[in-house]
Protein backbone atom coordinates (compact mmCIF):
# COMPACT_ATOMS: atom_id res chain seq x y z
CA MET A 1 -16.95 -85.26 -120.93
CA ALA A 2 -19.09 -88.33 -121.39
CA CYS A 3 -21.16 -89.48 -118.44
CA THR A 4 -21.44 -93.24 -117.97
CA ILE A 5 -24.53 -94.74 -116.38
CA THR A 6 -25.07 -98.01 -114.51
CA VAL A 7 -28.67 -99.15 -113.89
CA LYS A 8 -29.32 -101.68 -111.12
CA ASN A 9 -32.52 -103.63 -110.31
CA GLY A 10 -34.45 -102.65 -113.43
CA THR A 11 -34.54 -100.63 -116.64
CA LEU A 12 -35.18 -97.00 -117.59
CA GLU A 13 -37.51 -95.56 -120.20
CA ASN A 14 -36.13 -93.77 -123.26
CA GLY A 15 -34.64 -90.38 -122.42
CA GLU A 16 -34.83 -90.90 -118.65
CA ALA A 17 -31.05 -91.30 -118.29
CA GLU A 18 -30.47 -88.06 -120.24
CA ALA A 19 -32.93 -86.31 -117.93
CA TYR A 20 -30.92 -87.44 -114.89
CA ILE A 21 -27.73 -86.09 -116.47
CA ALA A 22 -29.45 -82.76 -117.20
CA ARG A 23 -30.74 -82.65 -113.60
CA ALA A 24 -27.21 -83.20 -112.27
CA ILE A 25 -25.81 -80.43 -114.46
CA GLU A 26 -28.54 -78.05 -113.28
CA LYS A 27 -28.11 -79.00 -109.62
CA PHE A 28 -24.29 -79.21 -109.36
CA GLY A 29 -23.12 -77.04 -112.27
CA VAL A 30 -20.97 -79.81 -113.77
CA GLU A 31 -21.64 -82.94 -115.75
CA PRO A 32 -21.06 -86.03 -113.59
CA ARG A 33 -18.45 -88.58 -114.60
CA HIS A 34 -20.71 -91.48 -113.64
CA ILE A 35 -24.23 -92.06 -112.30
CA ASP A 36 -25.34 -95.24 -110.49
CA ILE A 37 -29.12 -95.56 -110.77
CA THR A 38 -30.83 -98.09 -108.51
CA VAL A 39 -34.45 -98.73 -109.46
CA GLN A 40 -36.74 -99.36 -106.48
CA GLY A 41 -40.26 -99.85 -107.86
CA ASP A 42 -41.52 -96.45 -109.04
CA GLU A 43 -38.60 -94.63 -107.42
CA VAL A 44 -34.90 -94.42 -108.22
CA ASP A 45 -31.84 -93.82 -106.06
CA LEU A 46 -29.19 -91.68 -107.78
CA ASP A 47 -25.51 -91.80 -106.82
CA TYR A 48 -23.40 -89.20 -108.64
CA ASP A 49 -19.64 -89.27 -109.15
CA LEU A 50 -18.70 -85.65 -109.84
CA GLY A 51 -14.95 -86.28 -109.85
CA ALA A 52 -12.40 -84.14 -108.06
CA ARG A 53 -13.54 -80.63 -107.23
CA ASP A 54 -11.41 -77.61 -106.41
CA PHE A 55 -11.23 -76.79 -102.71
CA GLN A 56 -11.57 -73.16 -101.75
CA ARG A 57 -10.08 -72.14 -98.45
CA ILE A 58 -12.34 -70.00 -96.27
CA ARG A 59 -10.83 -67.83 -93.57
CA ARG A 60 -12.23 -65.51 -90.93
CA ILE A 61 -10.65 -62.12 -91.55
CA THR A 62 -11.72 -58.97 -89.70
CA GLY A 63 -15.01 -60.59 -88.73
CA TYR A 64 -15.94 -61.85 -92.22
CA LEU A 65 -15.78 -65.36 -93.70
CA VAL A 66 -13.98 -64.95 -97.01
CA GLY A 67 -12.31 -67.11 -99.62
CA THR A 68 -10.42 -64.29 -101.30
CA LEU A 69 -9.90 -60.62 -100.61
CA ASP A 70 -10.86 -59.45 -104.11
CA ARG A 71 -14.32 -58.22 -102.97
CA PHE A 72 -12.90 -56.11 -100.12
CA ASN A 73 -12.85 -52.34 -100.54
CA ASN A 74 -9.65 -50.37 -99.88
CA ALA A 75 -10.45 -49.79 -96.20
CA LYS A 76 -10.98 -53.52 -95.53
CA ARG A 77 -7.82 -54.38 -97.48
CA ALA A 78 -5.86 -51.90 -95.35
CA GLU A 79 -7.40 -53.35 -92.17
CA GLU A 80 -6.35 -56.86 -93.24
CA HIS A 81 -2.85 -55.64 -94.13
CA ASP A 82 -2.39 -53.90 -90.75
CA ARG A 83 -3.72 -56.67 -88.52
CA VAL A 84 -1.41 -58.58 -86.23
CA LYS A 85 -1.06 -62.21 -87.29
CA HIS A 86 -0.38 -64.52 -84.36
CA GLY A 87 1.59 -67.69 -84.75
CA VAL A 88 1.65 -70.87 -82.73
CA CYS A 89 4.87 -71.49 -80.80
């Protein structure tokens, strides 16, 4: 994936844009699709576009907040299986 960069209100030194891409990868774990960089004197304002991200559903099951049941041991899996699920009428 190639990250595009838009610089507003100034210019960047050599390699500075690549450093911002590397920082985004380190911070978010993915390379951004686009970065808007607004230069404000000696400071910059970074606006990342990371694209669509997968949404993981989190549920409260047997007192725990979980996304999946794969980390439950057999006793917790049995407890989840035997619980009464209430519906809305």
